[in-house]
Amino acid sequence: VREEQRGQREAIRGKLSEFIASTETELRFPTDLSAFERLAVHEECEKLGLMHESVGEKENRYVTARKLPKAMTTTTKPLPEPTYAPTSSVEAKAKEEEAKK
């Protein structure tokens, strides 16, 4: 059973990888997935940063995976460290010594 489940999970991961590489924005899995396979889709989507949702009931239940909007996936540069002007010569000297470390 575990070998079969491992194979199912690998197949799901493969489909999701192909989906990520494609220009498609949504992938709908078939309604004939088992409960384990639907769970695996949700888990793999989490790992890959995809949105996921189960829709429908009983034999009409299926899972969709969606890519996050670009605005949510683009990385931005971190803000630079704030710089403070020293208010006294003691603070200025302390800053210079700290910078040397």
N, C-alpha and C. Protein backbone atom coordinates (compact mmCIF):
# COMPACT_ATOMS: atom_id res chain seq x y z
N VAL A 1 0.83 -1.20 0.00
CA VAL A 1 0.00 0.00 0.00
C VAL A 1 0.87 1.26 0.00
N ARG A 2 1.93 1.27 0.84
CA ARG A 2 2.79 2.46 0.90
C ARG A 2 3.49 2.73 -0.44
N GLU A 3 3.90 1.67 -1.12
CA GLU A 3 4.53 1.85 -2.44
C GLU A 3 3.55 2.47 -3.42
N GLU A 4 2.31 2.00 -3.36
CA GLU A 4 1.27 2.54 -4.25
C GLU A 4 1.03 4.02 -3.93
N GLN A 5 0.95 4.35 -2.64
CA GLN A 5 0.73 5.74 -2.24
C GLN A 5 1.92 6.61 -2.63
N ARG A 6 3.13 6.08 -2.49
CA ARG A 6 4.32 6.84 -2.89
C ARG A 6 4.28 7.13 -4.38
N GLY A 7 3.87 6.13 -5.17
CA GLY A 7 3.75 6.33 -6.62
C GLY A 7 2.69 7.36 -6.97
N GLN A 8 1.57 7.33 -6.25
CA GLN A 8 0.51 8.30 -6.50
C GLN A 8 0.99 9.71 -6.17
N ARG A 9 1.69 9.85 -5.05
CA ARG A 9 2.20 11.16 -4.64
C ARG A 9 3.21 11.68 -5.67
N GLU A 10 4.08 10.81 -6.15
CA GLU A 10 5.07 11.22 -7.17
C GLU A 10 4.38 11.66 -8.46
N ALA A 11 3.32 10.96 -8.84
CA ALA A 11 2.57 11.33 -10.05
C ALA A 11 1.92 12.71 -9.87
N ILE A 12 1.38 12.94 -8.69
CA ILE A 12 0.76 14.24 -8.39
C ILE A 12 1.81 15.34 -8.42
N ARG A 13 2.95 15.08 -7.79
CA ARG A 13 4.04 16.06 -7.77
C ARG A 13 4.49 16.37 -9.20
N GLY A 14 4.54 15.34 -10.06
CA GLY A 14 4.92 15.54 -11.46
C GLY A 14 3.93 16.42 -12.19
N LYS A 15 2.63 16.17 -11.98
CA LYS A 15 1.60 16.99 -12.63
C LYS A 15 1.69 18.43 -12.17
N LEU A 16 1.92 18.62 -10.87
CA LEU A 16 2.02 19.98 -10.34
C LEU A 16 3.27 20.69 -10.86
N SER A 17 4.36 19.97 -11.01
CA SER A 17 5.59 20.56 -11.54
C SER A 17 5.38 21.01 -12.99
N GLU A 18 4.71 20.17 -13.78
CA GLU A 18 4.40 20.53 -15.17
C GLU A 18 3.50 21.76 -15.20
N PHE A 19 2.54 21.80 -14.30
CA PHE A 19 1.62 22.93 -14.21
C PHE A 19 2.38 24.21 -13.89
N ILE A 20 3.28 24.16 -12.94
CA ILE A 20 4.07 25.34 -12.56
C ILE A 20 4.88 25.85 -13.75
N ALA A 21 5.43 24.94 -14.53
CA ALA A 21 6.25 25.33 -15.68
C ALA A 21 5.40 25.84 -16.85
N SER A 22 4.11 25.58 -16.82
CA SER A 22 3.23 25.98 -17.93
C SER A 22 2.76 27.42 -17.76
N THR A 23 2.03 27.88 -18.77
CA THR A 23 1.43 29.22 -18.70
C THR A 23 0.03 29.17 -18.11
N GLU A 24 -0.47 27.97 -17.83
CA GLU A 24 -1.80 27.83 -17.23
C GLU A 24 -1.81 28.43 -15.84
N THR A 25 -2.98 28.91 -15.42
CA THR A 25 -3.09 29.49 -14.07
C THR A 25 -3.87 28.59 -13.12
N GLU A 26 -4.59 27.60 -13.66
CA GLU A 26 -5.37 26.70 -12.82
C GLU A 26 -5.28 25.27 -13.35
N LEU A 27 -5.18 24.34 -12.42
CA LEU A 27 -5.15 22.91 -12.76
C LEU A 27 -6.26 22.23 -11.97
N ARG A 28 -7.16 21.57 -12.68
CA ARG A 28 -8.26 20.85 -12.03
C ARG A 28 -7.98 19.36 -12.10
N PHE A 29 -7.94 18.72 -10.94
CA PHE A 29 -7.72 17.28 -10.89
C PHE A 29 -9.06 16.57 -11.09
N PRO A 30 -9.03 15.33 -11.59
CA PRO A 30 -10.28 14.62 -11.87
C PRO A 30 -11.05 14.25 -10.59
N THR A 31 -12.33 13.96 -10.77
CA THR A 31 -13.19 13.62 -9.64
C THR A 31 -12.94 12.20 -9.12
N ASP A 32 -12.20 11.39 -9.86
CA ASP A 32 -12.00 10.01 -9.43
C ASP A 32 -10.78 9.82 -8.50
N LEU A 33 -10.19 10.91 -8.00
CA LEU A 33 -9.10 10.77 -7.05
C LEU A 33 -9.62 10.22 -5.73
N SER A 34 -8.82 9.39 -5.09
CA SER A 34 -9.18 8.88 -3.77
C SER A 34 -8.98 9.98 -2.74
N ALA A 35 -9.48 9.75 -1.52
CA ALA A 35 -9.27 10.72 -0.45
C ALA A 35 -7.78 10.94 -0.20
N PHE A 36 -6.98 9.86 -0.26
CA PHE A 36 -5.54 9.99 -0.08
C PHE A 36 -4.93 10.87 -1.17
N GLU A 37 -5.34 10.66 -2.41
CA GLU A 37 -4.79 11.45 -3.51
C GLU A 37 -5.17 12.92 -3.39
N ARG A 38 -6.41 13.19 -2.97
CA ARG A 38 -6.80 14.60 -2.77
C ARG A 38 -5.97 15.24 -1.67
N LEU A 39 -5.76 14.50 -0.58
CA LEU A 39 -4.91 14.99 0.50
C LEU A 39 -3.49 15.25 -0.01
N ALA A 40 -2.97 14.34 -0.81
CA ALA A 40 -1.62 14.50 -1.36
C ALA A 40 -1.54 15.75 -2.24
N VAL A 41 -2.59 16.02 -3.02
CA VAL A 41 -2.61 17.24 -3.85
C VAL A 41 -2.51 18.46 -2.95
N HIS A 42 -3.30 18.50 -1.89
CA HIS A 42 -3.26 19.63 -0.96
C HIS A 42 -1.88 19.79 -0.34
N GLU A 43 -1.29 18.69 0.11
CA GLU A 43 0.03 18.75 0.76
C GLU A 43 1.11 19.20 -0.21
N GLU A 44 1.08 18.67 -1.43
CA GLU A 44 2.10 19.05 -2.41
C GLU A 44 1.93 20.51 -2.84
N CYS A 45 0.69 20.96 -2.95
CA CYS A 45 0.45 22.37 -3.28
C CYS A 45 1.04 23.27 -2.19
N GLU A 46 0.86 22.89 -0.95
CA GLU A 46 1.44 23.67 0.16
C GLU A 46 2.95 23.76 0.01
N LYS A 47 3.58 22.64 -0.25
CA LYS A 47 5.04 22.60 -0.39
C LYS A 47 5.52 23.48 -1.55
N LEU A 48 4.72 23.54 -2.62
CA LEU A 48 5.11 24.25 -3.82
C LEU A 48 4.61 25.70 -3.87
N GLY A 49 3.90 26.12 -2.83
CA GLY A 49 3.42 27.50 -2.79
C GLY A 49 2.25 27.79 -3.70
N LEU A 50 1.43 26.78 -3.95
CA LEU A 50 0.25 26.95 -4.80
C LEU A 50 -1.00 27.07 -3.94
N MET A 51 -1.99 27.81 -4.43
CA MET A 51 -3.29 27.83 -3.78
C MET A 51 -4.00 26.54 -4.16
N HIS A 52 -4.85 26.03 -3.27
CA HIS A 52 -5.55 24.78 -3.55
C HIS A 52 -6.89 24.78 -2.86
N GLU A 53 -7.84 24.05 -3.46
CA GLU A 53 -9.19 24.04 -2.93
C GLU A 53 -9.91 22.77 -3.37
N SER A 54 -10.66 22.17 -2.45
CA SER A 54 -11.56 21.06 -2.80
C SER A 54 -12.92 21.65 -3.09
N VAL A 55 -13.56 21.13 -4.12
CA VAL A 55 -14.88 21.63 -4.53
C VAL A 55 -15.80 20.43 -4.75
N GLY A 56 -17.06 20.59 -4.38
CA GLY A 56 -18.04 19.54 -4.63
C GLY A 56 -18.16 18.56 -3.47
N GLU A 57 -19.05 17.57 -3.66
CA GLU A 57 -19.31 16.58 -2.62
C GLU A 57 -19.32 15.18 -3.23
N LYS A 58 -18.99 14.22 -2.39
CA LYS A 58 -18.99 12.79 -2.71
C LYS A 58 -18.30 12.51 -4.05
N GLU A 59 -18.99 11.85 -4.98
CA GLU A 59 -18.33 11.46 -6.23
C GLU A 59 -18.06 12.64 -7.16
N ASN A 60 -18.59 13.81 -6.84
CA ASN A 60 -18.34 15.01 -7.65
C ASN A 60 -17.24 15.90 -7.06
N ARG A 61 -16.54 15.41 -6.04
CA ARG A 61 -15.50 16.21 -5.37
C ARG A 61 -14.22 16.20 -6.20
N TYR A 62 -13.62 17.37 -6.34
CA TYR A 62 -12.35 17.48 -7.06
C TYR A 62 -11.51 18.57 -6.41
N VAL A 63 -10.24 18.59 -6.77
CA VAL A 63 -9.30 19.58 -6.22
C VAL A 63 -8.78 20.44 -7.36
N THR A 64 -8.68 21.75 -7.08
CA THR A 64 -8.04 22.65 -8.04
C THR A 64 -6.77 23.21 -7.40
N ALA A 65 -5.79 23.43 -8.23
CA ALA A 65 -4.56 24.10 -7.81
C ALA A 65 -4.44 25.36 -8.65
N ARG A 66 -4.05 26.44 -8.02
CA ARG A 66 -3.90 27.71 -8.73
C ARG A 66 -2.58 28.35 -8.37
N LYS A 67 -2.03 29.04 -9.34
CA LYS A 67 -0.81 29.81 -9.09
C LYS A 67 -1.20 31.10 -8.38
N LEU A 68 -0.35 31.53 -7.48
CA LEU A 68 -0.57 32.79 -6.80
C LEU A 68 -0.39 33.93 -7.79
N PRO A 69 -1.11 35.03 -7.62
CA PRO A 69 -0.90 36.18 -8.49
C PRO A 69 0.56 36.64 -8.40
N LYS A 70 1.09 37.14 -9.50
CA LYS A 70 2.49 37.56 -9.55
C LYS A 70 2.86 38.53 -8.44
N ALA A 71 1.96 39.43 -8.11
CA ALA A 71 2.26 40.42 -7.07
C ALA A 71 2.55 39.75 -5.74
N MET A 72 1.99 38.56 -5.51
CA MET A 72 2.20 37.87 -4.25
C MET A 72 3.45 37.01 -4.27
N THR A 73 3.99 36.72 -5.45
CA THR A 73 5.13 35.82 -5.53
C THR A 73 6.44 36.53 -5.85
N THR A 74 6.38 37.79 -6.23
CA THR A 74 7.62 38.49 -6.54
C THR A 74 8.32 38.87 -5.25
N THR A 75 9.60 38.74 -5.28
CA THR A 75 10.36 39.10 -4.08
C THR A 75 10.84 40.54 -4.23
N THR A 76 10.87 41.21 -3.15
CA THR A 76 11.35 42.58 -3.16
C THR A 76 12.62 42.64 -2.33
N LYS A 77 13.43 43.64 -2.61
CA LYS A 77 14.65 43.82 -1.85
C LYS A 77 14.29 44.22 -0.43
N PRO A 78 15.05 43.71 0.54
CA PRO A 78 14.79 44.15 1.91
C PRO A 78 15.15 45.63 2.05
N LEU A 79 14.48 46.28 2.96
CA LEU A 79 14.77 47.69 3.20
C LEU A 79 16.16 47.83 3.81
N PRO A 80 16.87 48.89 3.44
CA PRO A 80 18.19 49.08 4.03
C PRO A 80 18.08 49.39 5.51
N GLU A 81 19.16 49.08 6.22
CA GLU A 81 19.19 49.40 7.64
C GLU A 81 19.09 50.92 7.80
N PRO A 82 18.32 51.36 8.76
CA PRO A 82 18.22 52.81 8.96
C PRO A 82 19.56 53.36 9.45
N THR A 83 19.86 54.56 9.02
CA THR A 83 21.07 55.21 9.50
C THR A 83 20.68 56.37 10.39
N TYR A 84 21.38 56.48 11.46
CA TYR A 84 21.10 57.54 12.41
C TYR A 84 22.30 58.45 12.52
N ALA A 85 22.06 59.71 12.56
CA ALA A 85 23.15 60.66 12.77
C ALA A 85 23.45 60.71 14.27
N PRO A 86 24.69 60.47 14.64
CA PRO A 86 25.01 60.52 16.06
C PRO A 86 24.77 61.91 16.63
N THR A 87 24.32 61.93 17.86
CA THR A 87 24.02 63.22 18.48
C THR A 87 25.15 63.72 19.35
N SER A 88 26.15 62.89 19.55
CA SER A 88 27.30 63.35 20.35
C SER A 88 28.56 62.68 19.82
N SER A 89 29.69 63.21 20.19
CA SER A 89 30.96 62.63 19.75
C SER A 89 31.16 61.25 20.34
N VAL A 90 30.60 60.98 21.52
CA VAL A 90 30.71 59.66 22.14
C VAL A 90 29.98 58.63 21.27
N GLU A 91 28.77 58.97 20.83
CA GLU A 91 28.02 58.07 19.96
C GLU A 91 28.73 57.87 18.63
N ALA A 92 29.31 58.92 18.09
CA ALA A 92 30.03 58.83 16.82
C ALA A 92 31.21 57.88 16.96
N LYS A 93 31.96 57.97 18.04
CA LYS A 93 33.11 57.10 18.26
C LYS A 93 32.66 55.65 18.42
N ALA A 94 31.56 55.44 19.14
CA ALA A 94 31.02 54.09 19.34
C ALA A 94 30.61 53.49 18.00
N LYS A 95 29.99 54.26 17.15
CA LYS A 95 29.58 53.79 15.82
C LYS A 95 30.80 53.41 14.98
N GLU A 96 31.84 54.19 15.02
CA GLU A 96 33.06 53.92 14.26
C GLU A 96 33.69 52.62 14.72
N GLU A 97 33.76 52.41 16.03
CA GLU A 97 34.34 51.19 16.56
C GLU A 97 33.50 49.97 16.19
N GLU A 98 32.20 50.11 16.22
CA GLU A 98 31.31 49.01 15.87
C GLU A 98 31.45 48.66 14.38
N ALA A 99 31.64 49.67 13.56
CA ALA A 99 31.80 49.46 12.12
C ALA A 99 33.09 48.71 11.80
N LYS A 100 34.11 48.89 12.62
CA LYS A 100 35.40 48.23 12.40
C LYS A 100 35.32 46.72 12.66
N LYS A 101 34.37 46.30 13.49
CA LYS A 101 34.23 44.86 13.85
C LYS A 101 33.71 44.11 12.71
